[in-house]
Amino acid sequence: MILQGVSLVCGVLAAISGYRAVRYMTAAVRCHAKVTKLVKISDGFKPLFRPVFTFKDESGKKHTVSSSIASYPAPFVVGETIEIFYPPGKPALAEYRSHFSLWGLTVFFVAFATITFLLAHVFQKQMV
Protein backbone atom coordinates (compact mmCIF):
# COMPACT_ATOMS: atom_id res chain seq x y z
CA MET A 1 0.00 0.00 0.00
CA ILE A 2 2.85 2.41 0.86
CA LEU A 3 4.66 1.63 -2.40
CA GLN A 4 1.48 2.35 -4.36
CA GLY A 5 1.20 5.72 -2.63
CA VAL A 6 4.85 6.54 -3.37
CA SER A 7 4.29 5.53 -6.98
CA LEU A 8 1.24 7.78 -7.23
CA VAL A 9 3.06 10.76 -5.68
CA CYS A 10 6.03 10.29 -8.03
CA GLY A 11 3.66 10.05 -10.99
CA VAL A 12 2.02 13.33 -10.02
CA LEU A 13 5.42 14.99 -9.54
CA ALA A 14 6.52 13.68 -12.96
CA ALA A 15 3.41 15.18 -14.56
CA ILE A 16 3.98 18.54 -12.87
CA SER A 17 7.67 18.56 -13.80
CA GLY A 18 6.89 17.65 -17.42
CA TYR A 19 4.20 20.32 -17.66
CA ARG A 20 6.59 22.96 -16.32
CA ALA A 21 9.28 21.92 -18.83
CA VAL A 22 6.86 22.14 -21.75
CA ARG A 23 5.49 25.48 -20.53
CA TYR A 24 9.01 26.86 -20.11
CA MET A 25 10.08 25.74 -23.59
CA THR A 26 7.03 27.27 -25.26
CA ALA A 27 7.60 30.64 -23.56
CA ALA A 28 11.42 30.73 -23.72
CA VAL A 29 13.32 32.90 -26.18
CA ARG A 30 15.54 30.77 -28.39
CA CYS A 31 18.61 31.96 -30.21
CA HIS A 32 22.14 30.95 -31.11
CA ALA A 33 25.31 31.73 -29.20
CA LYS A 34 29.01 31.21 -29.71
CA VAL A 35 31.05 29.34 -27.09
CA THR A 36 33.86 31.71 -26.11
CA LYS A 37 35.49 29.81 -23.26
CA LEU A 38 35.36 26.59 -21.26
CA VAL A 39 35.89 27.10 -17.53
CA LYS A 40 37.54 24.09 -15.90
CA ILE A 41 36.09 23.18 -12.50
CA SER A 42 37.70 20.52 -10.32
CA ASP A 43 35.37 18.13 -8.56
CA GLY A 44 38.11 16.03 -7.00
CA PHE A 45 37.85 13.17 -9.50
CA LYS A 46 37.46 14.39 -13.06
CA PRO A 47 37.50 18.00 -14.22
CA LEU A 48 34.13 19.47 -15.13
CA PHE A 49 33.77 22.05 -17.87
CA ARG A 50 31.33 24.95 -17.79
CA PRO A 51 30.81 26.71 -21.14
CA VAL A 52 30.78 30.49 -21.39
CA PHE A 53 28.88 31.80 -24.41
CA THR A 54 28.12 35.12 -26.08
CA PHE A 55 24.91 36.06 -27.87
CA LYS A 56 22.68 38.99 -28.79
CA ASP A 57 19.25 39.26 -27.21
CA GLU A 58 16.02 40.26 -28.95
CA SER A 59 16.95 43.95 -28.81
CA GLY A 60 20.44 43.34 -30.22
CA LYS A 61 22.29 43.81 -26.93
CA LYS A 62 25.33 41.54 -26.52
CA HIS A 63 25.51 39.24 -23.47
CA THR A 64 28.16 36.88 -22.13
CA VAL A 65 26.83 34.18 -19.84
CA SER A 66 28.51 31.36 -17.94
CA SER A 67 26.30 28.29 -17.94
CA SER A 68 25.19 26.83 -14.63
CA ILE A 69 25.59 23.36 -16.17
CA ALA A 70 29.03 21.76 -15.90
CA SER A 71 29.90 18.38 -17.36
CA TYR A 72 32.66 15.96 -18.25
CA PRO A 73 33.70 15.75 -20.99
CA ALA A 74 33.27 19.29 -22.24
CA PRO A 75 29.96 19.47 -24.11
CA PHE A 76 31.28 21.89 -26.74
CA VAL A 77 34.49 23.29 -28.21
CA VAL A 78 35.44 26.96 -28.17
CA GLY A 79 34.06 28.66 -31.26
CA GLU A 80 31.12 26.29 -31.66
CA THR A 81 27.67 27.78 -32.28
CA ILE A 82 25.04 26.38 -29.92
CA GLU A 83 21.31 26.80 -29.37
CA ILE A 84 20.36 28.56 -26.15
CA PHE A 85 17.14 29.65 -24.50
CA TYR A 86 16.20 32.06 -21.75
CA PRO A 87 13.05 33.40 -20.06
CA PRO A 88 11.61 36.43 -21.88
CA GLY A 89 13.35 39.60 -20.72
CA LYS A 90 15.97 37.68 -18.69
CA PRO A 91 18.94 36.96 -20.97
CA ALA A 92 21.26 36.65 -17.95
CA LEU A 93 19.48 33.33 -17.21
CA ALA A 94 20.35 31.85 -20.61
CA GLU A 95 21.28 28.17 -20.75
CA TYR A 96 22.31 25.91 -23.59
CA ARG A 97 19.79 23.38 -24.77
CA SER A 98 20.37 20.23 -22.77
CA HIS A 99 17.93 17.35 -22.58
CA PHE A 100 19.00 16.60 -19.02
CA SER A 101 18.42 20.15 -17.79
CA LEU A 102 14.94 20.16 -19.34
CA TRP A 103 13.74 16.62 -18.74
CA GLY A 104 16.06 15.15 -16.09
CA LEU A 105 13.72 15.65 -13.15
CA THR A 106 10.73 14.36 -15.11
CA VAL A 107 12.61 11.23 -16.19
CA PHE A 108 13.75 10.63 -12.60
CA PHE A 109 10.19 10.79 -11.26
CA VAL A 110 8.83 8.58 -14.06
CA ALA A 111 11.54 5.98 -13.43
CA PHE A 112 11.00 6.04 -9.67
CA ALA A 113 7.22 5.82 -10.08
CA THR A 114 7.62 2.86 -12.44
CA ILE A 115 10.00 1.01 -10.11
CA THR A 116 7.82 1.53 -7.04
CA PHE A 117 4.71 0.54 -9.00
CA LEU A 118 6.36 -2.69 -10.16
CA LEU A 119 7.61 -3.45 -6.64
CA ALA A 120 4.12 -2.86 -5.25
CA HIS A 121 2.71 -5.23 -7.87
CA VAL A 122 5.28 -7.94 -7.05
CA PHE A 123 4.67 -7.66 -3.29
CA GLN A 124 0.92 -7.73 -3.80
CA LYS A 125 1.20 -10.94 -5.86
CA GLN A 126 3.32 -12.56 -3.11
CA MET A 127 0.77 -11.72 -0.42
CA VAL A 128 -2.12 -13.30 -2.31
C-alpha atoms as a PDB file:
ATOM      1  CA  MET A   1       0.000   0.000   0.000  1.00  0.00           C
ATOM      2  CA  ILE A   2       2.847   2.408   0.864  1.00  0.00           C
ATOM      3  CA  LEU A   3       4.659   1.634  -2.398  1.00  0.00           C
ATOM      4  CA  GLN A   4       1.485   2.352  -4.362  1.00  0.00           C
ATOM      5  CA  GLY A   5       1.205   5.722  -2.627  1.00  0.00           C
ATOM      6  CA  VAL A   6       4.853   6.539  -3.365  1.00  0.00           C
ATOM      7  CA  SER A   7       4.292   5.529  -6.984  1.00  0.00           C
ATOM      8  CA  LEU A   8       1.237   7.777  -7.227  1.00  0.00           C
ATOM      9  CA  VAL A   9       3.057  10.762  -5.684  1.00  0.00           C
ATOM     10  CA  CYS A  10       6.030  10.291  -8.033  1.00  0.00           C
ATOM     11  CA  GLY A  11       3.665  10.047 -10.990  1.00  0.00           C
ATOM     12  CA  VAL A  12       2.015  13.329 -10.024  1.00  0.00           C
ATOM     13  CA  LEU A  13       5.423  14.986  -9.542  1.00  0.00           C
ATOM     14  CA  ALA A  14       6.518  13.682 -12.962  1.00  0.00           C
ATOM     15  CA  ALA A  15       3.406  15.176 -14.563  1.00  0.00           C
ATOM     16  CA  ILE A  16       3.980  18.536 -12.868  1.00  0.00           C
ATOM     17  CA  SER A  17       7.666  18.563 -13.804  1.00  0.00           C
ATOM     18  CA  GLY A  18       6.888  17.646 -17.417  1.00  0.00           C
ATOM     19  CA  TYR A  19       4.201  20.317 -17.659  1.00  0.00           C
ATOM     20  CA  ARG A  20       6.589  22.965 -16.321  1.00  0.00           C
ATOM     21  CA  ALA A  21       9.282  21.923 -18.826  1.00  0.00           C
ATOM     22  CA  VAL A  22       6.858  22.145 -21.745  1.00  0.00           C
ATOM     23  CA  ARG A  23       5.491  25.484 -20.528  1.00  0.00           C
ATOM     24  CA  TYR A  24       9.013  26.860 -20.107  1.00  0.00           C
ATOM     25  CA  MET A  25      10.078  25.741 -23.591  1.00  0.00           C
ATOM     26  CA  THR A  26       7.028  27.270 -25.262  1.00  0.00           C
ATOM     27  CA  ALA A  27       7.604  30.641 -23.558  1.00  0.00           C
ATOM     28  CA  ALA A  28      11.420  30.728 -23.720  1.00  0.00           C
ATOM     29  CA  VAL A  29      13.316  32.895 -26.177  1.00  0.00           C
ATOM     30  CA  ARG A  30      15.537  30.772 -28.387  1.00  0.00           C
ATOM     31  CA  CYS A  31      18.610  31.961 -30.214  1.00  0.00           C
ATOM     32  CA  HIS A  32      22.141  30.948 -31.112  1.00  0.00           C
ATOM     33  CA  ALA A  33      25.309  31.730 -29.202  1.00  0.00           C
ATOM     34  CA  LYS A  34      29.014  31.207 -29.710  1.00  0.00           C
ATOM     35  CA  VAL A  35      31.049  29.343 -27.089  1.00  0.00           C
ATOM     36  CA  THR A  36      33.861  31.708 -26.105  1.00  0.00           C
ATOM     37  CA  LYS A  37      35.487  29.814 -23.261  1.00  0.00           C
ATOM     38  CA  LEU A  38      35.365  26.586 -21.257  1.00  0.00           C
ATOM     39  CA  VAL A  39      35.893  27.104 -17.533  1.00  0.00           C
ATOM     40  CA  LYS A  40      37.535  24.089 -15.895  1.00  0.00           C
ATOM     41  CA  ILE A  41      36.094  23.184 -12.498  1.00  0.00           C
ATOM     42  CA  SER A  42      37.701  20.522 -10.323  1.00  0.00           C
ATOM     43  CA  ASP A  43      35.366  18.130  -8.556  1.00  0.00           C
ATOM     44  CA  GLY A  44      38.112  16.030  -7.003  1.00  0.00           C
ATOM     45  CA  PHE A  45      37.848  13.165  -9.500  1.00  0.00           C
ATOM     46  CA  LYS A  46      37.464  14.393 -13.060  1.00  0.00           C
ATOM     47  CA  PRO A  47      37.497  18.001 -14.223  1.00  0.00           C
ATOM     48  CA  LEU A  48      34.126  19.465 -15.128  1.00  0.00           C
ATOM     49  CA  PHE A  49      33.765  22.051 -17.873  1.00  0.00           C
ATOM     50  CA  ARG A  50      31.329  24.952 -17.787  1.00  0.00           C
ATOM     51  CA  PRO A  51      30.809  26.708 -21.138  1.00  0.00           C
ATOM     52  CA  VAL A  52      30.781  30.489 -21.392  1.00  0.00           C
ATOM     53  CA  PHE A  53      28.881  31.796 -24.412  1.00  0.00           C
ATOM     54  CA  THR A  54      28.124  35.116 -26.079  1.00  0.00           C
ATOM     55  CA  PHE A  55      24.913  36.062 -27.871  1.00  0.00           C
ATOM     56  CA  LYS A  56      22.682  38.987 -28.793  1.00  0.00           C
ATOM     57  CA  ASP A  57      19.248  39.257 -27.211  1.00  0.00           C
ATOM     58  CA  GLU A  58      16.020  40.263 -28.949  1.00  0.00           C
ATOM     59  CA  SER A  59      16.947  43.950 -28.812  1.00  0.00           C
ATOM     60  CA  GLY A  60      20.440  43.338 -30.217  1.00  0.00           C
ATOM     61  CA  LYS A  61      22.292  43.814 -26.928  1.00  0.00           C
ATOM     62  CA  LYS A  62      25.332  41.538 -26.516  1.00  0.00           C
ATOM     63  CA  HIS A  63      25.507  39.242 -23.466  1.00  0.00           C
ATOM     64  CA  THR A  64      28.158  36.881 -22.131  1.00  0.00           C
ATOM     65  CA  VAL A  65      26.827  34.175 -19.841  1.00  0.00           C
ATOM     66  CA  SER A  66      28.510  31.364 -17.938  1.00  0.00           C
ATOM     67  CA  SER A  67      26.302  28.289 -17.938  1.00  0.00           C
ATOM     68  CA  SER A  68      25.193  26.833 -14.625  1.00  0.00           C
ATOM     69  CA  ILE A  69      25.589  23.359 -16.166  1.00  0.00           C
ATOM     70  CA  ALA A  70      29.029  21.761 -15.904  1.00  0.00           C
ATOM     71  CA  SER A  71      29.902  18.378 -17.364  1.00  0.00           C
ATOM     72  CA  TYR A  72      32.659  15.956 -18.254  1.00  0.00           C
ATOM     73  CA  PRO A  73      33.703  15.748 -20.986  1.00  0.00           C
ATOM     74  CA  ALA A  74      33.270  19.290 -22.236  1.00  0.00           C
ATOM     75  CA  PRO A  75      29.957  19.470 -24.111  1.00  0.00           C
ATOM     76  CA  PHE A  76      31.284  21.895 -26.741  1.00  0.00           C
ATOM     77  CA  VAL A  77      34.486  23.292 -28.210  1.00  0.00           C
ATOM     78  CA  VAL A  78      35.439  26.962 -28.166  1.00  0.00           C
ATOM     79  CA  GLY A  79      34.059  28.663 -31.258  1.00  0.00           C
ATOM     80  CA  GLU A  80      31.119  26.285 -31.659  1.00  0.00           C
ATOM     81  CA  THR A  81      27.669  27.776 -32.277  1.00  0.00           C
ATOM     82  CA  ILE A  82      25.036  26.384 -29.919  1.00  0.00           C
ATOM     83  CA  GLU A  83      21.308  26.797 -29.369  1.00  0.00           C
ATOM     84  CA  ILE A  84      20.362  28.562 -26.148  1.00  0.00           C
ATOM     85  CA  PHE A  85      17.139  29.654 -24.501  1.00  0.00           C
ATOM     86  CA  TYR A  86      16.198  32.058 -21.749  1.00  0.00           C
ATOM     87  CA  PRO A  87      13.054  33.403 -20.060  1.00  0.00           C
ATOM     88  CA  PRO A  88      11.609  36.432 -21.876  1.00  0.00           C
ATOM     89  CA  GLY A  89      13.349  39.596 -20.715  1.00  0.00           C
ATOM     90  CA  LYS A  90      15.965  37.684 -18.693  1.00  0.00           C
ATOM     91  CA  PRO A  91      18.938  36.956 -20.973  1.00  0.00           C
ATOM     92  CA  ALA A  92      21.256  36.652 -17.947  1.00  0.00           C
ATOM     93  CA  LEU A  93      19.481  33.327 -17.211  1.00  0.00           C
ATOM     94  CA  ALA A  94      20.353  31.851 -20.609  1.00  0.00           C
ATOM     95  CA  GLU A  95      21.281  28.169 -20.755  1.00  0.00           C
ATOM     96  CA  TYR A  96      22.308  25.913 -23.587  1.00  0.00           C
ATOM     97  CA  ARG A  97      19.793  23.383 -24.771  1.00  0.00           C
ATOM     98  CA  SER A  98      20.372  20.225 -22.767  1.00  0.00           C
ATOM     99  CA  HIS A  99      17.927  17.352 -22.575  1.00  0.00           C
ATOM    100  CA  PHE A 100      19.000  16.600 -19.022  1.00  0.00           C
ATOM    101  CA  SER A 101      18.420  20.151 -17.789  1.00  0.00           C
ATOM    102  CA  LEU A 102      14.938  20.158 -19.339  1.00  0.00           C
ATOM    103  CA  TRP A 103      13.744  16.622 -18.739  1.00  0.00           C
ATOM    104  CA  GLY A 104      16.062  15.151 -16.089  1.00  0.00           C
ATOM    105  CA  LEU A 105      13.720  15.652 -13.150  1.00  0.00           C
ATOM    106  CA  THR A 106      10.728  14.361 -15.114  1.00  0.00           C
ATOM    107  CA  VAL A 107      12.609  11.233 -16.192  1.00  0.00           C
ATOM    108  CA  PHE A 108      13.748  10.632 -12.604  1.00  0.00           C
ATOM    109  CA  PHE A 109      10.192  10.788 -11.261  1.00  0.00           C
ATOM    110  CA  VAL A 110       8.833   8.576 -14.064  1.00  0.00           C
ATOM    111  CA  ALA A 111      11.545   5.979 -13.429  1.00  0.00           C
ATOM    112  CA  PHE A 112      11.004   6.043  -9.669  1.00  0.00           C
ATOM    113  CA  ALA A 113       7.225   5.818 -10.079  1.00  0.00           C
ATOM    114  CA  THR A 114       7.619   2.864 -12.440  1.00  0.00           C
ATOM    115  CA  ILE A 115       9.999   1.014 -10.115  1.00  0.00           C
ATOM    116  CA  THR A 116       7.820   1.528  -7.035  1.00  0.00           C
ATOM    117  CA  PHE A 117       4.707   0.536  -8.997  1.00  0.00           C
ATOM    118  CA  LEU A 118       6.362  -2.686 -10.157  1.00  0.00           C
ATOM    119  CA  LEU A 119       7.612  -3.454  -6.641  1.00  0.00           C
ATOM    120  CA  ALA A 120       4.124  -2.865  -5.251  1.00  0.00           C
ATOM    121  CA  HIS A 121       2.707  -5.227  -7.872  1.00  0.00           C
ATOM    122  CA  VAL A 122       5.279  -7.942  -7.045  1.00  0.00           C
ATOM    123  CA  PHE A 123       4.670  -7.659  -3.294  1.00  0.00           C
ATOM    124  CA  GLN A 124       0.919  -7.727  -3.797  1.00  0.00           C
ATOM    125  CA  LYS A 125       1.204 -10.941  -5.855  1.00  0.00           C
ATOM    126  CA  GLN A 126       3.317 -12.559  -3.108  1.00  0.00           C
ATOM    127  CA  MET A 127       0.768 -11.720  -0.416  1.00  0.00           C
ATOM    128  CA  VAL A 128      -2.125 -13.296  -2.311  1.00  0.00           C
END
